[in-house]
N, C-alpha and C. Protein backbone atom coordinates (compact mmCIF):
# COMPACT_ATOMS: atom_id res chain seq x y z
N MET A 1 119.95 86.99 89.34
CA MET A 1 119.81 88.38 89.42
C MET A 1 118.70 88.61 89.58
N LYS A 2 117.96 89.78 90.41
CA LYS A 2 116.93 89.90 90.47
C LYS A 2 116.12 90.92 89.48
N THR A 3 115.11 90.37 89.31
CA THR A 3 114.41 91.68 88.31
C THR A 3 112.76 90.85 88.40
N ILE A 4 111.86 92.08 87.38
CA ILE A 4 110.47 91.84 87.66
C ILE A 4 109.92 91.19 86.48
N TRP A 5 109.21 90.10 86.57
CA TRP A 5 108.88 89.19 85.53
C TRP A 5 106.93 89.35 85.63
N LYS A 6 106.55 89.24 84.36
CA LYS A 6 104.86 89.29 84.32
C LYS A 6 104.60 87.77 83.79
N TYR A 7 103.89 87.00 84.67
CA TYR A 7 103.15 85.46 84.31
C TYR A 7 101.47 85.61 84.09
N LYS A 8 101.37 85.32 82.97
CA LYS A 8 99.65 85.39 82.17
C LYS A 8 99.38 84.11 83.29
N VAL A 9 98.01 84.70 83.75
CA VAL A 9 97.04 84.03 84.55
C VAL A 9 95.46 83.77 83.75
N ARG A 10 94.87 82.70 83.88
CA ARG A 10 93.43 82.80 83.97
C ARG A 10 92.70 83.15 84.85
N VAL A 11 91.59 83.86 84.25
CA VAL A 11 90.70 83.94 85.60
C VAL A 11 89.95 82.59 86.05
N ASP A 12 90.35 81.73 87.14
CA ASP A 12 89.52 80.48 87.21
C ASP A 12 90.38 79.62 88.81
N ASP A 13 89.32 78.74 88.84
CA ASP A 13 89.53 78.63 90.09
C ASP A 13 91.01 78.12 90.53
N CYS A 14 91.28 77.61 89.80
CA CYS A 14 92.55 76.97 89.93
C CYS A 14 94.07 77.35 88.70
N VAL A 15 95.10 77.81 89.11
CA VAL A 15 95.68 78.38 87.95
C VAL A 15 97.28 77.91 88.29
N CYS A 16 97.82 77.27 88.21
CA CYS A 16 99.54 76.99 88.47
C CYS A 16 100.16 77.41 87.27
N VAL A 17 100.79 78.19 88.36
CA VAL A 17 102.31 79.21 87.61
C VAL A 17 103.69 78.53 87.92
N GLY A 18 104.64 78.68 87.49
CA GLY A 18 106.06 78.46 87.45
C GLY A 18 106.78 79.74 87.62
N LEU A 19 107.08 79.59 88.93
CA LEU A 19 108.08 81.40 89.82
C LEU A 19 108.98 80.72 90.12
N PRO A 20 110.54 81.05 90.25
CA PRO A 20 111.50 81.05 90.83
C PRO A 20 111.05 80.68 92.75
N LYS A 21 111.68 80.16 93.11
CA LYS A 21 111.63 80.41 94.59
C LYS A 21 111.88 81.11 95.08
N GLY A 22 111.30 81.59 96.48
CA GLY A 22 111.31 83.07 97.30
C GLY A 22 110.65 84.24 96.13
N TYR A 23 110.13 83.91 95.56
CA TYR A 23 109.23 85.12 94.53
C TYR A 23 109.10 86.02 95.16
N LYS A 24 107.50 87.18 95.01
CA LYS A 24 107.52 88.32 95.73
C LYS A 24 106.72 89.00 94.83
N ILE A 25 105.18 88.59 94.80
CA ILE A 25 104.32 89.18 93.85
C ILE A 25 104.15 90.58 94.30
N LEU A 26 103.72 91.27 92.95
CA LEU A 26 103.95 92.69 92.99
C LEU A 26 102.65 93.20 92.82
N LYS A 27 102.45 92.89 91.88
CA LYS A 27 100.57 93.03 91.52
C LYS A 27 100.17 91.95 90.62
N PHE A 28 98.43 92.17 90.59
CA PHE A 28 97.94 90.95 90.02
C PHE A 28 96.75 92.02 88.99
N GLY A 29 96.68 92.27 87.76
CA GLY A 29 96.20 93.10 87.43
C GLY A 29 95.61 92.71 85.84
N LYS A 30 95.16 93.39 84.63
CA LYS A 30 95.14 93.51 83.39
C LYS A 30 95.63 94.11 82.28
N GLN A 31 96.56 93.98 81.37
CA GLN A 31 97.32 94.30 80.34
C GLN A 31 96.91 93.68 79.14
N ASN A 32 96.55 94.75 78.34
CA ASN A 32 95.94 94.42 76.55
C ASN A 32 95.30 92.86 76.88
N GLY A 33 93.85 93.30 77.26
CA GLY A 33 93.17 91.99 77.56
C GLY A 33 93.54 90.82 78.29
N ASN A 34 94.52 90.50 78.51
CA ASN A 34 94.83 89.31 79.35
C ASN A 34 95.44 90.20 80.88
N TYR A 35 94.81 88.67 81.97
CA TYR A 35 95.46 88.70 83.27
C TYR A 35 97.07 88.43 83.72
N TYR A 36 97.39 89.44 84.44
CA TYR A 36 98.63 88.64 84.63
C TYR A 36 99.00 88.88 86.38
N ILE A 37 100.40 88.15 86.78
CA ILE A 37 100.87 88.27 87.99
C ILE A 37 102.31 88.84 87.41
N TRP A 38 102.46 90.17 88.46
CA TRP A 38 103.88 90.60 88.21
C TRP A 38 104.54 90.29 89.52
N ALA A 39 105.66 89.70 89.55
CA ALA A 39 107.00 89.25 90.58
C ALA A 39 108.06 89.78 90.47
N LEU A 40 108.84 90.05 91.38
CA LEU A 40 109.94 90.28 91.71
C LEU A 40 110.88 88.72 91.88
N VAL A 41 111.42 88.53 91.03
CA VAL A 41 112.13 87.12 90.93
C VAL A 41 113.71 86.63 90.56
N ASP A 42 114.24 86.09 91.46
CA ASP A 42 115.72 85.74 91.32
C ASP A 42 115.86 85.16 89.73
N THR A 43 116.67 85.09 88.90
CA THR A 43 116.33 84.37 87.59
C THR A 43 117.51 82.71 87.81
N MET A 44 118.30 83.46 89.11
CA MET A 44 119.21 82.34 89.62
C MET A 44 118.73 81.37 90.04
N ILE A 45 117.55 81.35 90.31
CA ILE A 45 116.75 80.11 91.37
C ILE A 45 115.81 79.34 90.55
N ASP A 46 115.69 78.16 91.01
CA ASP A 46 115.21 77.26 90.67
C ASP A 46 113.44 77.23 90.32
N VAL A 47 112.99 77.00 89.12
CA VAL A 47 111.71 77.68 89.31
C VAL A 47 110.51 76.33 90.09
N GLY A 48 109.91 76.69 90.78
CA GLY A 48 108.86 75.69 91.76
C GLY A 48 107.23 76.30 91.19
N PHE A 49 106.52 75.36 91.19
CA PHE A 49 104.79 75.91 90.40
C PHE A 49 104.24 76.04 92.01
N TYR A 50 103.24 76.65 91.82
CA TYR A 50 102.54 77.81 92.92
C TYR A 50 101.05 77.61 91.97
N ASN A 51 100.30 77.12 93.16
CA ASN A 51 98.69 77.09 93.20
C ASN A 51 98.06 78.62 93.34
N PHE A 52 97.60 79.02 92.37
CA PHE A 52 96.51 80.40 92.58
C PHE A 52 95.17 80.27 92.31
N SER A 53 94.45 80.83 92.90
CA SER A 53 93.04 80.83 92.61
C SER A 53 92.27 82.01 92.32
N VAL A 54 91.87 82.64 91.29
CA VAL A 54 91.39 83.77 91.27
C VAL A 54 89.64 83.77 91.43
N VAL A 55 89.19 84.74 92.37
CA VAL A 55 87.96 84.81 92.58
C VAL A 55 87.13 86.01 92.33
N GLY A 56 86.05 86.13 91.92
CA GLY A 56 85.19 86.81 91.41
C GLY A 56 84.60 87.56 92.88
N THR A 57 84.29 88.77 92.98
CA THR A 57 83.03 89.51 93.76
C THR A 57 81.74 89.05 93.99
N GLY A 58 80.95 88.25 94.97
CA GLY A 58 79.59 87.69 95.20
C GLY A 58 80.06 86.50 94.68
N ASN A 59 81.04 85.67 94.29
CA ASN A 59 81.04 84.33 94.43
C ASN A 59 81.27 83.62 95.88
N ASN A 60 81.50 82.64 96.15
CA ASN A 60 81.14 81.56 97.58
C ASN A 60 82.48 81.24 97.71
N ILE A 61 83.03 81.40 99.10
CA ILE A 61 84.22 80.94 99.63
C ILE A 61 83.98 80.32 100.94
N THR A 62 84.40 78.93 100.79
CA THR A 62 84.29 77.88 102.04
C THR A 62 84.95 78.44 103.09
N ASP A 63 85.27 78.31 104.64
CA ASP A 63 86.36 78.27 105.41
C ASP A 63 86.96 77.02 104.88
N LYS A 64 87.08 76.65 104.06
CA LYS A 64 88.51 75.24 103.84
C LYS A 64 89.28 76.23 102.61
N PHE A 65 88.28 76.81 101.74
CA PHE A 65 89.25 77.68 100.99
C PHE A 65 89.98 78.41 101.70
N LEU A 66 89.54 79.46 102.68
CA LEU A 66 90.23 80.34 103.51
C LEU A 66 91.06 80.05 104.40
N LYS A 67 91.27 78.83 104.82
CA LYS A 67 92.27 78.20 105.65
C LYS A 67 93.35 78.09 104.50
N ASP A 68 93.17 76.85 103.59
CA ASP A 68 93.98 76.63 102.36
C ASP A 68 94.97 78.01 101.79
N HIS A 69 94.14 78.91 101.37
CA HIS A 69 94.19 80.17 100.93
C HIS A 69 94.64 81.03 101.64
N LYS A 70 95.82 81.90 101.14
CA LYS A 70 96.19 83.50 101.26
C LYS A 70 95.71 84.46 100.52
N TYR A 71 95.19 85.71 100.87
CA TYR A 71 94.86 86.50 100.14
C TYR A 71 96.32 87.42 99.63
N VAL A 72 95.86 87.48 98.26
CA VAL A 72 97.44 88.52 97.26
C VAL A 72 96.85 89.85 96.92
N ASP A 73 96.15 90.04 96.33
CA ASP A 73 95.93 91.40 95.64
C ASP A 73 94.55 90.81 95.30
N THR A 74 93.73 92.45 94.52
CA THR A 74 92.46 92.59 93.74
C THR A 74 92.68 93.35 92.79
N TRP A 75 91.97 93.01 91.67
CA TRP A 75 91.67 93.99 90.47
C TRP A 75 90.77 94.23 90.23
N ILE A 76 90.39 95.52 89.97
CA ILE A 76 89.45 96.30 89.72
C ILE A 76 88.71 96.31 88.00
N GLU A 77 87.83 95.62 87.49
CA GLU A 77 88.07 95.94 85.74
C GLU A 77 87.37 97.39 85.74
N ASN A 78 88.20 98.21 84.72
CA ASN A 78 88.10 99.41 84.69
C ASN A 78 86.88 99.76 83.36
N ASP A 79 87.05 98.46 82.71
CA ASP A 79 85.77 98.72 81.52
C ASP A 79 85.05 97.52 81.74
N GLY A 80 84.35 96.97 83.05
CA GLY A 80 83.39 96.31 83.27
C GLY A 80 83.36 96.17 84.61
N PRO A 81 82.16 95.41 85.12
CA PRO A 81 81.61 95.34 86.22
C PRO A 81 82.42 94.58 87.19
N PHE A 82 82.91 93.76 86.57
CA PHE A 82 84.06 92.45 87.24
C PHE A 82 84.93 92.85 88.40
N VAL A 83 85.27 92.65 89.74
CA VAL A 83 86.51 92.88 90.76
C VAL A 83 86.79 91.44 90.91
N TRP A 84 88.00 91.01 90.29
CA TRP A 84 88.74 89.73 90.75
C TRP A 84 89.40 89.79 92.22
N HIS A 85 89.84 88.88 92.84
CA HIS A 85 91.06 89.05 94.01
C HIS A 85 91.55 87.85 93.53
N LEU A 86 92.78 87.83 93.98
CA LEU A 86 94.00 86.37 93.84
C LEU A 86 93.81 85.88 94.99
N PHE A 87 94.34 84.63 95.30
CA PHE A 87 94.57 83.86 96.46
C PHE A 87 95.30 83.13 95.93
N LYS A 88 96.48 82.61 97.33
CA LYS A 88 97.71 81.85 96.96
C LYS A 88 97.48 80.64 97.47
N GLU A 89 97.44 79.37 96.92
CA GLU A 89 97.34 78.06 98.24
C GLU A 89 98.63 77.92 99.05
N ILE A 90 98.31 77.88 100.19
CA ILE A 90 99.57 77.56 101.18
C ILE A 90 99.22 75.93 101.54
């Protein structure tokens, strides 16, 4: 069955998230003080583990990082100066 689930993530260099294979990321954002990935998933499919990185605007990004990661989404803080960018390890 397909549904939308949310997965709590840390603002960190590497975050491992268990998602059903074939997932589709819909949004990366903040709710009630926590950061989440919202994804369209099929609950009948086995879970795989995937690495994501959350990078702040102004932080250094290496060519190797860009080769090994795919951009997913950006979250702009409404209550502070930070902007976060979500990347998935490929």
